[in-house]
Amino acid sequence: MSVTRMFRLAACGLVLATGAQGAYALEDIPTTSGFSGTLGIGAGYTDAETNLVKGSSLWDIGQESVSSVSRSPKGEDDAFIFPRGEFAYTFGGPQIQLFLASDVEELVDLEVLQQVGIRKQFETLGIVSLGYVTSGLLNQEVWQDPYSSGSSRSDTDREFTGVRFEWDRIAGLPIGLLFQYKDIEVDDERSGSALGLTLEQQSDLSREGDNYRAEFSYTWRRSANEVFRPYFGYVDADLDGDATKYSGPYVGLDAGYQNETWGVAGRARVGSKDKSERNPVYNRRTDGDWYEIVLRGNYRLPWGENWFGTGGVAWAKEENNVNFHDQRNLLFTLGAEWRFGPDK
């Protein structure tokens, strides 16, 4: 199994429902037709701090009530079990692949992205991938009005749909491009309604709208077993609320080693979120900086050639100008998976 494949299956820290498809280099598409992928199950433990997100159908990471809109979030922990899998069907002759995959898009609040799409490997142009992305089976649960204090808050779903385009090994070079668009909707958006804000001020807090991400990467294969992938990107969240719109750059490095028996992969990322206007609750902009560190490993299990044990630890933090908007997450995962297909 290649280091690139190990990256995609292991280094995200947590992969749910349908596998992994992240910022890593696209692997070679097999020349043999057939199904391939991963099936498994895992367990996780999260210790999180957030005033903005409740969690999902699998975990709770937010508290139902807050005492003040000026206080930092309190810690909330949860343990959970999750299925995992990645599926693809390859047409070997033309090297075309249909795939179903997922990724943890935002580690600090465990937002999951699922993708279904098609990839094609060209002889000289590289590998091109086009996918439909969605929050799918695991919508993120947020608070209808996160600024409601002194009583229990009601939750609602945050959903998105969009597209992702990836082009790796462009013209035979070790460089790649990614572009992603998401249309975000909050089922019951009531931000600021409990504070007596005007309708105009409440509209400034809307979390719905468009989200764009562009990324450029370089892949350096130090050896057949080692790979390093630095990248930089830019996010533009053109949301409906003037106080929630943000943009900002980020940089990251993925690195890993894989042999026939075991492998280890790591990720480090840092970025910023610069808001467009002042938040009417605080009369200041809620700008923030965010950080992620992930370490993940796998080991071939003795009872089957294609069975692997996996485990990892991940840490993410967002520091904001306003304490109420600070977020942090410490995550541990452990699991087992069976990998199948002609490239396993």
C-alpha atoms as a PDB file:
ATOM      1  CA  MET A   1       0.000   0.000   0.000  1.00  0.00           C
ATOM      2  CA  SER A   2       1.352   3.429  -0.954  1.00  0.00           C
ATOM      3  CA  VAL A   3       2.112   6.234   1.480  1.00  0.00           C
ATOM      4  CA  THR A   4      -0.402   8.409  -0.369  1.00  0.00           C
ATOM      5  CA  ARG A   5      -3.121   5.843   0.234  1.00  0.00           C
ATOM      6  CA  MET A   6      -2.221   5.613   3.900  1.00  0.00           C
ATOM      7  CA  PHE A   7      -2.490   9.416   4.108  1.00  0.00           C
ATOM      8  CA  ARG A   8      -5.975   9.451   2.705  1.00  0.00           C
ATOM      9  CA  LEU A   9      -7.191   6.613   4.912  1.00  0.00           C
ATOM     10  CA  ALA A  10      -5.535   7.597   8.150  1.00  0.00           C
ATOM     11  CA  ALA A  11      -4.254  11.136   8.647  1.00  0.00           C
ATOM     12  CA  CYS A  12      -7.511  13.046   8.979  1.00  0.00           C
ATOM     13  CA  GLY A  13      -7.823  12.074  12.638  1.00  0.00           C
ATOM     14  CA  LEU A  14     -11.439  10.943  12.289  1.00  0.00           C
ATOM     15  CA  VAL A  15     -13.233   9.535   9.250  1.00  0.00           C
ATOM     16  CA  LEU A  16     -16.926   8.752   9.354  1.00  0.00           C
ATOM     17  CA  ALA A  17     -19.523   6.853   7.362  1.00  0.00           C
ATOM     18  CA  THR A  18     -17.766   6.697   3.959  1.00  0.00           C
ATOM     19  CA  GLY A  19     -13.963   6.909   4.247  1.00  0.00           C
ATOM     20  CA  ALA A  20     -11.572   9.773   3.545  1.00  0.00           C
ATOM     21  CA  GLN A  21     -10.890  12.240   0.783  1.00  0.00           C
ATOM     22  CA  GLY A  22      -8.886  15.198   1.899  1.00  0.00           C
ATOM     23  CA  ALA A  23      -6.105  17.485   0.774  1.00  0.00           C
ATOM     24  CA  TYR A  24      -3.749  14.596   0.027  1.00  0.00           C
ATOM     25  CA  ALA A  25      -2.355  13.668  -3.364  1.00  0.00           C
ATOM     26  CA  LEU A  26      -4.682  11.646  -5.537  1.00  0.00           C
ATOM     27  CA  GLU A  27      -3.406   8.106  -5.901  1.00  0.00           C
ATOM     28  CA  ASP A  28      -2.866   6.298  -9.199  1.00  0.00           C
ATOM     29  CA  ILE A  29      -6.071   4.856 -10.643  1.00  0.00           C
ATOM     30  CA  PRO A  30      -5.641   1.092 -11.166  1.00  0.00           C
ATOM     31  CA  THR A  31      -5.557  -0.375 -14.674  1.00  0.00           C
ATOM     32  CA  THR A  32      -7.647  -3.319 -13.434  1.00  0.00           C
ATOM     33  CA  SER A  33     -11.446  -2.963 -13.328  1.00  0.00           C
ATOM     34  CA  GLY A  34     -13.379  -3.710 -10.166  1.00  0.00           C
ATOM     35  CA  PHE A  35     -14.435  -2.563  -6.722  1.00  0.00           C
ATOM     36  CA  SER A  36     -12.009  -1.304  -4.069  1.00  0.00           C
ATOM     37  CA  GLY A  37     -12.215   0.434  -0.744  1.00  0.00           C
ATOM     38  CA  THR A  38     -12.274   0.075   3.022  1.00  0.00           C
ATOM     39  CA  LEU A  39     -14.746  -1.272   5.579  1.00  0.00           C
ATOM     40  CA  GLY A  40     -14.316  -0.957   9.319  1.00  0.00           C
ATOM     41  CA  ILE A  41     -15.473   0.343  12.657  1.00  0.00           C
ATOM     42  CA  GLY A  42     -13.920   2.625  15.220  1.00  0.00           C
ATOM     43  CA  ALA A  43     -14.418   4.317  18.554  1.00  0.00           C
ATOM     44  CA  GLY A  44     -13.639   7.873  19.477  1.00  0.00           C
ATOM     45  CA  TYR A  45     -13.413  10.201  22.449  1.00  0.00           C
ATOM     46  CA  THR A  46     -13.639  13.974  22.175  1.00  0.00           C
ATOM     47  CA  ASP A  47     -12.983  16.669  24.768  1.00  0.00           C
ATOM     48  CA  ALA A  48     -14.269  19.904  23.243  1.00  0.00           C
ATOM     49  CA  GLU A  49     -15.003  23.521  24.123  1.00  0.00           C
ATOM     50  CA  THR A  50     -17.471  25.440  21.953  1.00  0.00           C
ATOM     51  CA  ASN A  51     -20.400  27.806  22.437  1.00  0.00           C
ATOM     52  CA  LEU A  52     -21.407  27.673  18.774  1.00  0.00           C
ATOM     53  CA  VAL A  53     -21.942  23.985  17.896  1.00  0.00           C
ATOM     54  CA  LYS A  54     -24.007  21.251  19.571  1.00  0.00           C
ATOM     55  CA  GLY A  55     -22.453  18.317  17.699  1.00  0.00           C
ATOM     56  CA  SER A  56     -24.149  15.718  15.503  1.00  0.00           C
ATOM     57  CA  SER A  57     -26.230  12.563  15.743  1.00  0.00           C
ATOM     58  CA  LEU A  58     -23.094  10.705  16.922  1.00  0.00           C
ATOM     59  CA  TRP A  59     -21.589  13.093  19.490  1.00  0.00           C
ATOM     60  CA  ASP A  60     -22.374  16.091  21.701  1.00  0.00           C
ATOM     61  CA  ILE A  61     -19.630  18.696  22.061  1.00  0.00           C
ATOM     62  CA  GLY A  62     -21.596  21.800  23.126  1.00  0.00           C
ATOM     63  CA  GLN A  63     -23.494  22.772  26.272  1.00  0.00           C
ATOM     64  CA  GLU A  64     -27.224  23.432  26.084  1.00  0.00           C
ATOM     65  CA  SER A  65     -27.071  26.578  28.204  1.00  0.00           C
ATOM     66  CA  VAL A  66     -24.572  29.392  28.715  1.00  0.00           C
ATOM     67  CA  SER A  67     -24.560  31.906  31.547  1.00  0.00           C
ATOM     68  CA  SER A  68     -23.262  34.865  29.539  1.00  0.00           C
ATOM     69  CA  VAL A  69     -22.395  35.831  25.952  1.00  0.00           C
ATOM     70  CA  SER A  70     -19.076  37.207  27.187  1.00  0.00           C
ATOM     71  CA  ARG A  71     -17.705  33.993  28.736  1.00  0.00           C
ATOM     72  CA  SER A  72     -15.407  31.423  27.170  1.00  0.00           C
ATOM     73  CA  PRO A  73     -16.913  27.973  26.465  1.00  0.00           C
ATOM     74  CA  LYS A  74     -16.789  25.220  29.055  1.00  0.00           C
ATOM     75  CA  GLY A  75     -15.473  21.749  28.323  1.00  0.00           C
ATOM     76  CA  GLU A  76     -17.741  18.924  27.183  1.00  0.00           C
ATOM     77  CA  ASP A  77     -16.591  15.355  26.533  1.00  0.00           C
ATOM     78  CA  ASP A  78     -18.229  12.450  24.742  1.00  0.00           C
ATOM     79  CA  ALA A  79     -17.421   8.917  23.561  1.00  0.00           C
ATOM     80  CA  PHE A  80     -18.870   7.414  20.402  1.00  0.00           C
ATOM     81  CA  ILE A  81     -18.689   4.553  17.909  1.00  0.00           C
ATOM     82  CA  PHE A  82     -18.586   5.163  14.159  1.00  0.00           C
ATOM     83  CA  PRO A  83     -18.646   3.003  11.016  1.00  0.00           C
ATOM     84  CA  ARG A  84     -16.095   3.782   8.344  1.00  0.00           C
ATOM     85  CA  GLY A  85     -15.701   2.963   4.699  1.00  0.00           C
ATOM     86  CA  GLU A  86     -14.410   4.123   1.354  1.00  0.00           C
ATOM     87  CA  PHE A  87     -15.831   2.762  -1.899  1.00  0.00           C
ATOM     88  CA  ALA A  88     -14.812   3.022  -5.540  1.00  0.00           C
ATOM     89  CA  TYR A  89     -15.402   1.264  -8.828  1.00  0.00           C
ATOM     90  CA  THR A  90     -12.654   1.445 -11.449  1.00  0.00           C
ATOM     91  CA  PHE A  91     -12.939   1.106 -15.217  1.00  0.00           C
ATOM     92  CA  GLY A  92      -9.377  -0.077 -15.734  1.00  0.00           C
ATOM     93  CA  GLY A  93      -8.953   0.469 -19.481  1.00  0.00           C
ATOM     94  CA  PRO A  94      -9.642   4.230 -19.559  1.00  0.00           C
ATOM     95  CA  GLN A  95      -8.493   4.601 -15.905  1.00  0.00           C
ATOM     96  CA  ILE A  96     -11.774   6.158 -14.785  1.00  0.00           C
ATOM     97  CA  GLN A  97     -13.005   5.741 -11.216  1.00  0.00           C
ATOM     98  CA  LEU A  98     -16.339   6.394  -9.509  1.00  0.00           C
ATOM     99  CA  PHE A  99     -15.924   7.001  -5.773  1.00  0.00           C
ATOM    100  CA  LEU A 100     -17.709   7.667  -2.495  1.00  0.00           C
ATOM    101  CA  ALA A 101     -15.688   9.219   0.322  1.00  0.00           C
ATOM    102  CA  SER A 102     -15.742  11.621   3.269  1.00  0.00           C
ATOM    103  CA  ASP A 103     -13.503  13.877   5.319  1.00  0.00           C
ATOM    104  CA  VAL A 104     -13.551  15.917   8.518  1.00  0.00           C
ATOM    105  CA  GLU A 105     -13.595  19.400   7.006  1.00  0.00           C
ATOM    106  CA  GLU A 106     -13.377  21.390  10.266  1.00  0.00           C
ATOM    107  CA  LEU A 107     -11.601  19.489  13.023  1.00  0.00           C
ATOM    108  CA  VAL A 108     -12.261  22.084  15.748  1.00  0.00           C
ATOM    109  CA  ASP A 109     -16.041  21.555  15.562  1.00  0.00           C
ATOM    110  CA  LEU A 110     -16.096  18.137  13.803  1.00  0.00           C
ATOM    111  CA  GLU A 111     -17.869  19.206  10.622  1.00  0.00           C
ATOM    112  CA  VAL A 112     -17.959  16.236   8.220  1.00  0.00           C
ATOM    113  CA  LEU A 113     -17.987  16.489   4.420  1.00  0.00           C
ATOM    114  CA  GLN A 114     -19.141  13.615   2.210  1.00  0.00           C
ATOM    115  CA  GLN A 115     -18.345  13.358  -1.489  1.00  0.00           C
ATOM    116  CA  VAL A 116     -19.448  11.306  -4.488  1.00  0.00           C
ATOM    117  CA  GLY A 117     -17.702  11.828  -7.786  1.00  0.00           C
ATOM    118  CA  ILE A 118     -15.582  10.687 -10.714  1.00  0.00           C
ATOM    119  CA  ARG A 119     -11.822  10.672 -11.342  1.00  0.00           C
ATOM    120  CA  LYS A 120      -9.822  10.238 -14.534  1.00  0.00           C
ATOM    121  CA  GLN A 121      -6.082   9.647 -14.927  1.00  0.00           C
ATOM    122  CA  PHE A 122      -4.576  11.095 -18.112  1.00  0.00           C
ATOM    123  CA  GLU A 123      -1.235  10.042 -19.556  1.00  0.00           C
ATOM    124  CA  THR A 124       0.302  13.532 -19.518  1.00  0.00           C
ATOM    125  CA  LEU A 125      -2.225  15.908 -17.916  1.00  0.00           C
ATOM    126  CA  GLY A 126      -2.352  14.207 -14.506  1.00  0.00           C
ATOM    127  CA  ILE A 127      -5.335  13.075 -12.413  1.00  0.00           C
ATOM    128  CA  VAL A 128      -8.568  15.089 -12.448  1.00  0.00           C
ATOM    129  CA  SER A 129     -11.382  14.629  -9.916  1.00  0.00           C
ATOM    130  CA  LEU A 130     -14.854  16.196  -9.845  1.00  0.00           C
ATOM    131  CA  GLY A 131     -17.233  15.542  -6.978  1.00  0.00           C
ATOM    132  CA  TYR A 132     -20.536  16.541  -5.425  1.00  0.00           C
ATOM    133  CA  VAL A 133     -20.058  17.402  -1.734  1.00  0.00           C
ATOM    134  CA  THR A 134     -22.671  17.439   1.001  1.00  0.00           C
ATOM    135  CA  SER A 135     -23.109  17.234   4.760  1.00  0.00           C
ATOM    136  CA  GLY A 136     -25.107  14.135   3.812  1.00  0.00           C
ATOM    137  CA  LEU A 137     -25.879  11.605   6.516  1.00  0.00           C
ATOM    138  CA  LEU A 138     -24.154  13.500   9.314  1.00  0.00           C
ATOM    139  CA  ASN A 139     -25.412  17.079   9.411  1.00  0.00           C
ATOM    140  CA  GLN A 140     -23.784  19.352  11.932  1.00  0.00           C
ATOM    141  CA  GLU A 141     -26.091  20.457  14.745  1.00  0.00           C
ATOM    142  CA  VAL A 142     -25.783  24.103  15.822  1.00  0.00           C
ATOM    143  CA  TRP A 143     -27.839  26.362  18.089  1.00  0.00           C
ATOM    144  CA  GLN A 144     -30.780  28.264  16.625  1.00  0.00           C
ATOM    145  CA  ASP A 145     -29.604  31.288  18.641  1.00  0.00           C
ATOM    146  CA  PRO A 146     -26.116  30.706  20.073  1.00  0.00           C
ATOM    147  CA  TYR A 147     -26.370  34.008  21.993  1.00  0.00           C
ATOM    148  CA  SER A 148     -29.368  32.901  24.067  1.00  0.00           C
ATOM    149  CA  SER A 149     -28.178  32.782  27.695  1.00  0.00           C
ATOM    150  CA  GLY A 150     -29.664  31.794  31.028  1.00  0.00           C
ATOM    151  CA  SER A 151     -31.877  29.001  29.654  1.00  0.00           C
ATOM    152  CA  SER A 152     -31.646  25.912  27.460  1.00  0.00           C
ATOM    153  CA  ARG A 153     -30.896  26.604  23.813  1.00  0.00           C
ATOM    154  CA  SER A 154     -32.672  24.836  20.941  1.00  0.00           C
ATOM    155  CA  ASP A 155     -30.621  23.110  18.249  1.00  0.00           C
ATOM    156  CA  THR A 156     -31.033  23.015  14.479  1.00  0.00           C
ATOM    157  CA  ASP A 157     -29.234  21.447  11.511  1.00  0.00           C
ATOM    158  CA  ARG A 158     -26.511  23.160   9.509  1.00  0.00           C
ATOM    159  CA  GLU A 159     -26.456  21.634   6.026  1.00  0.00           C
ATOM    160  CA  PHE A 160     -24.461  22.234   2.860  1.00  0.00           C
ATOM    161  CA  THR A 161     -24.156  21.051  -0.729  1.00  0.00           C
ATOM    162  CA  GLY A 162     -21.565  21.954  -3.346  1.00  0.00           C
ATOM    163  CA  VAL A 163     -18.822  20.789  -5.687  1.00  0.00           C
ATOM    164  CA  ARG A 164     -15.119  19.958  -5.403  1.00  0.00           C
ATOM    165  CA  PHE A 165     -12.575  19.976  -8.239  1.00  0.00           C
ATOM    166  CA  GLU A 166      -9.074  18.533  -7.830  1.00  0.00           C
ATOM    167  CA  TRP A 167      -6.234  18.339 -10.334  1.00  0.00           C
ATOM    168  CA  ASP A 168      -3.096  16.544  -9.185  1.00  0.00           C
ATOM    169  CA  ARG A 169       0.267  15.934 -10.908  1.00  0.00           C
ATOM    170  CA  ILE A 170      -0.510  18.775 -13.275  1.00  0.00           C
ATOM    171  CA  ALA A 171       1.272  18.161 -16.610  1.00  0.00           C
ATOM    172  CA  GLY A 172       3.381  15.503 -14.902  1.00  0.00           C
ATOM    173  CA  LEU A 173       4.657  17.891 -12.207  1.00  0.00           C
ATOM    174  CA  PRO A 174       4.349  17.173  -8.450  1.00  0.00           C
ATOM    175  CA  ILE A 175       1.864  20.001  -7.934  1.00  0.00           C
ATOM    176  CA  GLY A 176      -1.876  20.038  -7.359  1.00  0.00           C
ATOM    177  CA  LEU A 177      -4.860  22.380  -7.267  1.00  0.00           C
ATOM    178  CA  LEU A 178      -8.130  22.156  -5.362  1.00  0.00           C
ATOM    179  CA  PHE A 179     -11.254  24.293  -5.630  1.00  0.00           C
ATOM    180  CA  GLN A 180     -14.364  23.771  -3.541  1.00  0.00           C
ATOM    181  CA  TYR A 181     -17.723  25.539  -3.315  1.00  0.00           C
ATOM    182  CA  LYS A 182     -20.379  24.977  -0.622  1.00  0.00           C
ATOM    183  CA  ASP A 183     -23.887  26.427  -0.273  1.00  0.00           C
ATOM    184  CA  ILE A 184     -24.610  26.530   3.479  1.00  0.00           C
ATOM    185  CA  GLU A 185     -28.079  26.512   5.040  1.00  0.00           C
ATOM    186  CA  VAL A 186     -29.201  26.666   8.685  1.00  0.00           C
ATOM    187  CA  ASP A 187     -32.674  25.161   9.068  1.00  0.00           C
ATOM    188  CA  ASP A 188     -33.837  27.583  11.791  1.00  0.00           C
ATOM    189  CA  GLU A 189     -31.583  30.651  11.901  1.00  0.00           C
ATOM    190  CA  ARG A 190     -32.396  32.870  14.907  1.00  0.00           C
ATOM    191  CA  SER A 191     -29.013  34.306  15.875  1.00  0.00           C
ATOM    192  CA  GLY A 192     -29.434  37.305  18.181  1.00  0.00           C
ATOM    193  CA  SER A 193     -33.208  37.023  18.588  1.00  0.00           C
ATOM    194  CA  ALA A 194     -32.968  36.572  22.374  1.00  0.00           C
ATOM    195  CA  LEU A 195     -31.005  39.819  22.839  1.00  0.00           C
ATOM    196  CA  GLY A 196     -33.600  42.255  21.541  1.00  0.00           C
ATOM    197  CA  LEU A 197     -31.567  43.142  18.457  1.00  0.00           C
ATOM    198  CA  THR A 198     -33.226  44.825  15.503  1.00  0.00           C
ATOM    199  CA  LEU A 199     -34.097  42.730  12.452  1.00  0.00           C
ATOM    200  CA  GLU A 200     -31.223  44.353  10.581  1.00  0.00           C
ATOM    201  CA  GLN A 201     -28.768  43.455  13.339  1.00  0.00           C
ATOM    202  CA  GLN A 202     -30.090  39.890  13.433  1.00  0.00           C
ATOM    203  CA  SER A 203     -29.623  39.593   9.669  1.00  0.00           C
ATOM    204  CA  ASP A 204     -25.972  40.620  10.171  1.00  0.00           C
ATOM    205  CA  LEU A 205     -25.545  37.416  12.211  1.00  0.00           C
ATOM    206  CA  SER A 206     -26.896  35.009   9.569  1.00  0.00           C
ATOM    207  CA  ARG A 207     -24.684  31.933   9.126  1.00  0.00           C
ATOM    208  CA  GLU A 208     -26.123  30.950   5.723  1.00  0.00           C
ATOM    209  CA  GLY A 209     -24.467  31.624   2.375  1.00  0.00           C
ATOM    210  CA  ASP A 210     -21.598  30.598   0.105  1.00  0.00           C
ATOM    211  CA  ASN A 211     -18.195  29.212   1.055  1.00  0.00           C
ATOM    212  CA  TYR A 212     -15.252  29.026  -1.378  1.00  0.00           C
ATOM    213  CA  ARG A 213     -11.893  27.316  -0.854  1.00  0.00           C
ATOM    214  CA  ALA A 214      -8.860  27.219  -3.154  1.00  0.00           C
ATOM    215  CA  GLU A 215      -5.631  25.342  -2.451  1.00  0.00           C
ATOM    216  CA  PHE A 216      -2.232  24.803  -4.098  1.00  0.00           C
ATOM    217  CA  SER A 217       0.022  21.903  -3.050  1.00  0.00           C
ATOM    218  CA  TYR A 218       3.411  20.364  -3.784  1.00  0.00           C
ATOM    219  CA  THR A 219       4.226  16.672  -3.226  1.00  0.00           C
ATOM    220  CA  TRP A 220       7.792  15.623  -2.410  1.00  0.00           C
ATOM    221  CA  ARG A 221       8.449  11.886  -2.330  1.00  0.00           C
ATOM    222  CA  ARG A 222      11.665  11.506  -0.399  1.00  0.00           C
ATOM    223  CA  SER A 223      11.627   7.740  -0.989  1.00  0.00           C
ATOM    224  CA  ALA A 224       9.214   4.979  -1.938  1.00  0.00           C
ATOM    225  CA  ASN A 225       8.010   4.942   1.676  1.00  0.00           C
ATOM    226  CA  GLU A 226       8.152   8.622   2.619  1.00  0.00           C
ATOM    227  CA  VAL A 227       6.199  11.604   1.347  1.00  0.00           C
ATOM    228  CA  PHE A 228       5.856  15.265   2.330  1.00  0.00           C
ATOM    229  CA  ARG A 229       3.099  17.562   1.073  1.00  0.00           C
ATOM    230  CA  PRO A 230       3.199  21.278   1.897  1.00  0.00           C
ATOM    231  CA  TYR A 231       0.278  23.414   0.735  1.00  0.00           C
ATOM    232  CA  PHE A 232      -1.338  26.790   1.129  1.00  0.00           C
ATOM    233  CA  GLY A 233      -4.916  27.863   0.558  1.00  0.00           C
ATOM    234  CA  TYR A 234      -7.475  30.596   0.930  1.00  0.00           C
ATOM    235  CA  VAL A 235     -11.063  30.514   2.224  1.00  0.00           C
ATOM    236  CA  ASP A 236     -13.728  33.092   1.348  1.00  0.00           C
ATOM    237  CA  ALA A 237     -16.974  32.624   3.311  1.00  0.00           C
ATOM    238  CA  ASP A 238     -19.424  34.965   1.577  1.00  0.00           C
ATOM    239  CA  LEU A 239     -22.214  34.460   4.120  1.00  0.00           C
ATOM    240  CA  ASP A 240     -25.474  36.394   4.243  1.00  0.00           C
ATOM    241  CA  GLY A 241     -24.623  38.077   7.554  1.00  0.00           C
ATOM    242  CA  ASP A 242     -22.175  40.972   7.244  1.00  0.00           C
ATOM    243  CA  ALA A 243     -20.772  40.122  10.697  1.00  0.00           C
ATOM    244  CA  THR A 244     -20.277  36.435   9.845  1.00  0.00           C
ATOM    245  CA  LYS A 245     -18.583  36.882   6.456  1.00  0.00           C
ATOM    246  CA  TYR A 246     -14.899  36.039   6.670  1.00  0.00           C
ATOM    247  CA  SER A 247     -11.867  35.273   4.564  1.00  0.00           C
ATOM    248  CA  GLY A 248      -8.327  34.238   5.282  1.00  0.00           C
ATOM    249  CA  PRO A 249      -5.288  32.187   4.234  1.00  0.00           C
ATOM    250  CA  TYR A 250      -3.971  28.948   5.683  1.00  0.00           C
ATOM    251  CA  VAL A 251      -0.820  26.839   5.315  1.00  0.00           C
ATOM    252  CA  GLY A 252      -0.216  23.200   6.113  1.00  0.00           C
ATOM    253  CA  LEU A 253       2.123  20.237   5.917  1.00  0.00           C
ATOM    254  CA  ASP A 254       1.210  16.554   5.605  1.00  0.00           C
ATOM    255  CA  ALA A 255       3.973  14.003   6.069  1.00  0.00           C
ATOM    256  CA  GLY A 256       4.110  10.252   6.450  1.00  0.00           C
ATOM    257  CA  TYR A 257       5.897   6.936   6.270  1.00  0.00           C
ATOM    258  CA  GLN A 258       4.399   3.558   5.248  1.00  0.00           C
ATOM    259  CA  ASN A 259       5.878   0.087   4.803  1.00  0.00           C
ATOM    260  CA  GLU A 260       4.235  -3.314   4.398  1.00  0.00           C
ATOM    261  CA  THR A 261       3.540  -3.679   8.130  1.00  0.00           C
ATOM    262  CA  TRP A 262       2.943  -0.263   9.662  1.00  0.00           C
ATOM    263  CA  GLY A 263       2.710   3.427   8.908  1.00  0.00           C
ATOM    264  CA  VAL A 264       2.456   6.813  10.546  1.00  0.00           C
ATOM    265  CA  ALA A 265       1.167  10.108   9.183  1.00  0.00           C
ATOM    266  CA  GLY A 266       0.945  13.635  10.542  1.00  0.00           C
ATOM    267  CA  ARG A 267      -0.646  16.947   9.678  1.00  0.00           C
ATOM    268  CA  ALA A 268      -0.082  20.501  10.902  1.00  0.00           C
ATOM    269  CA  ARG A 269      -2.149  23.479   9.733  1.00  0.00           C
ATOM    270  CA  VAL A 270      -2.606  27.106  10.746  1.00  0.00           C
ATOM    271  CA  GLY A 271      -4.897  29.776   9.333  1.00  0.00           C
ATOM    272  CA  SER A 272      -6.905  32.905  10.031  1.00  0.00           C
ATOM    273  CA  LYS A 273     -10.505  34.110   9.734  1.00  0.00           C
ATOM    274  CA  ASP A 274     -10.885  37.856   9.187  1.00  0.00           C
ATOM    275  CA  LYS A 275     -14.477  39.061   9.503  1.00  0.00           C
ATOM    276  CA  SER A 276     -15.959  41.732   7.242  1.00  0.00           C
ATOM    277  CA  GLU A 277     -17.948  43.785   9.794  1.00  0.00           C
ATOM    278  CA  ARG A 278     -18.460  44.216  13.506  1.00  0.00           C
ATOM    279  CA  ASN A 279     -20.639  41.758  15.392  1.00  0.00           C
ATOM    280  CA  PRO A 280     -23.617  43.743  16.797  1.00  0.00           C
ATOM    281  CA  VAL A 281     -23.599  41.693  20.013  1.00  0.00           C
ATOM    282  CA  TYR A 282     -20.089  42.944  20.915  1.00  0.00           C
ATOM    283  CA  ASN A 283     -19.666  45.976  18.625  1.00  0.00           C
ATOM    284  CA  ARG A 284     -16.395  44.472  17.402  1.00  0.00           C
ATOM    285  CA  ARG A 285     -15.242  42.005  14.763  1.00  0.00           C
ATOM    286  CA  THR A 286     -14.928  38.373  15.820  1.00  0.00           C
ATOM    287  CA  ASP A 287     -11.656  37.710  13.969  1.00  0.00           C
ATOM    288  CA  GLY A 288      -9.844  34.483  14.795  1.00  0.00           C
ATOM    289  CA  ASP A 289      -6.777  32.322  14.203  1.00  0.00           C
ATOM    290  CA  TRP A 290      -6.957  28.528  14.083  1.00  0.00           C
ATOM    291  CA  TYR A 291      -4.512  25.631  14.496  1.00  0.00           C
ATOM    292  CA  GLU A 292      -4.607  21.864  13.865  1.00  0.00           C
ATOM    293  CA  ILE A 293      -2.197  19.036  14.723  1.00  0.00           C
ATOM    294  CA  VAL A 294      -2.948  15.396  13.821  1.00  0.00           C
ATOM    295  CA  LEU A 295      -0.946  12.189  14.358  1.00  0.00           C
ATOM    296  CA  ARG A 296      -2.277   8.899  13.006  1.00  0.00           C
ATOM    297  CA  GLY A 297      -0.933   5.362  12.674  1.00  0.00           C
ATOM    298  CA  ASN A 298      -1.865   1.950  11.288  1.00  0.00           C
ATOM    299  CA  TYR A 299      -0.572  -1.587  11.796  1.00  0.00           C
ATOM    300  CA  ARG A 300      -1.235  -4.736   9.748  1.00  0.00           C
ATOM    301  CA  LEU A 301      -3.109  -7.189  11.964  1.00  0.00           C
ATOM    302  CA  PRO A 302      -1.941 -10.843  12.159  1.00  0.00           C
ATOM    303  CA  TRP A 303      -5.271 -12.509  11.338  1.00  0.00           C
ATOM    304  CA  GLY A 304      -5.594 -11.278   7.757  1.00  0.00           C
ATOM    305  CA  GLU A 305      -3.430  -9.783   5.038  1.00  0.00           C
ATOM    306  CA  ASN A 306      -5.697  -6.799   4.483  1.00  0.00           C
ATOM    307  CA  TRP A 307      -6.780  -6.132   8.081  1.00  0.00           C
ATOM    308  CA  PHE A 308      -5.322  -3.078   9.804  1.00  0.00           C
ATOM    309  CA  GLY A 309      -5.608  -1.564  13.250  1.00  0.00           C
ATOM    310  CA  THR A 310      -5.711   2.227  13.321  1.00  0.00           C
ATOM    311  CA  GLY A 311      -5.411   4.901  15.971  1.00  0.00           C
ATOM    312  CA  GLY A 312      -4.793   8.588  16.266  1.00  0.00           C
ATOM    313  CA  VAL A 313      -4.848  11.776  18.266  1.00  0.00           C
ATOM    314  CA  ALA A 314      -5.829  15.211  16.980  1.00  0.00           C
ATOM    315  CA  TRP A 315      -5.906  18.703  18.509  1.00  0.00           C
ATOM    316  CA  ALA A 316      -7.500  21.827  17.095  1.00  0.00           C
ATOM    317  CA  LYS A 317      -8.016  25.321  18.484  1.00  0.00           C
ATOM    318  CA  GLU A 318      -9.555  28.585  17.333  1.00  0.00           C
ATOM    319  CA  GLU A 319      -8.576  31.748  19.211  1.00  0.00           C
ATOM    320  CA  ASN A 320     -10.977  34.657  18.712  1.00  0.00           C
ATOM    321  CA  ASN A 321     -11.048  38.342  19.538  1.00  0.00           C
ATOM    322  CA  VAL A 322     -14.210  37.550  21.521  1.00  0.00           C
ATOM    323  CA  ASN A 323     -13.886  34.865  24.216  1.00  0.00           C
ATOM    324  CA  PHE A 324     -17.385  33.515  23.547  1.00  0.00           C
ATOM    325  CA  HIS A 325     -16.285  32.467  20.031  1.00  0.00           C
ATOM    326  CA  ASP A 326     -13.173  30.542  21.166  1.00  0.00           C
ATOM    327  CA  GLN A 327     -13.183  26.829  20.293  1.00  0.00           C
ATOM    328  CA  ARG A 328     -10.984  23.823  21.104  1.00  0.00           C
ATOM    329  CA  ASN A 329     -11.097  20.078  20.501  1.00  0.00           C
ATOM    330  CA  LEU A 330      -8.930  17.148  21.609  1.00  0.00           C
ATOM    331  CA  LEU A 331      -9.804  13.905  19.837  1.00  0.00           C
ATOM    332  CA  PHE A 332      -8.704  10.270  20.220  1.00  0.00           C
ATOM    333  CA  THR A 333      -9.692   7.449  17.840  1.00  0.00           C
ATOM    334  CA  LEU A 334      -9.093   3.697  17.670  1.00  0.00           C
ATOM    335  CA  GLY A 335     -10.409   1.215  15.119  1.00  0.00           C
ATOM    336  CA  ALA A 336      -9.962  -1.713  12.746  1.00  0.00           C
ATOM    337  CA  GLU A 337     -10.566  -1.891   8.991  1.00  0.00           C
ATOM    338  CA  TRP A 338     -10.489  -4.302   6.074  1.00  0.00           C
ATOM    339  CA  ARG A 339      -9.118  -3.011   2.768  1.00  0.00           C
ATOM    340  CA  PHE A 340     -10.153  -4.654  -0.474  1.00  0.00           C
ATOM    341  CA  GLY A 341      -9.530  -4.238  -4.177  1.00  0.00           C
ATOM    342  CA  PRO A 342      -6.801  -4.743  -6.792  1.00  0.00           C
ATOM    343  CA  ASP A 343      -4.507  -2.074  -5.288  1.00  0.00           C
ATOM    344  CA  LYS A 344      -4.479  -3.440  -1.707  1.00  0.00           C
END
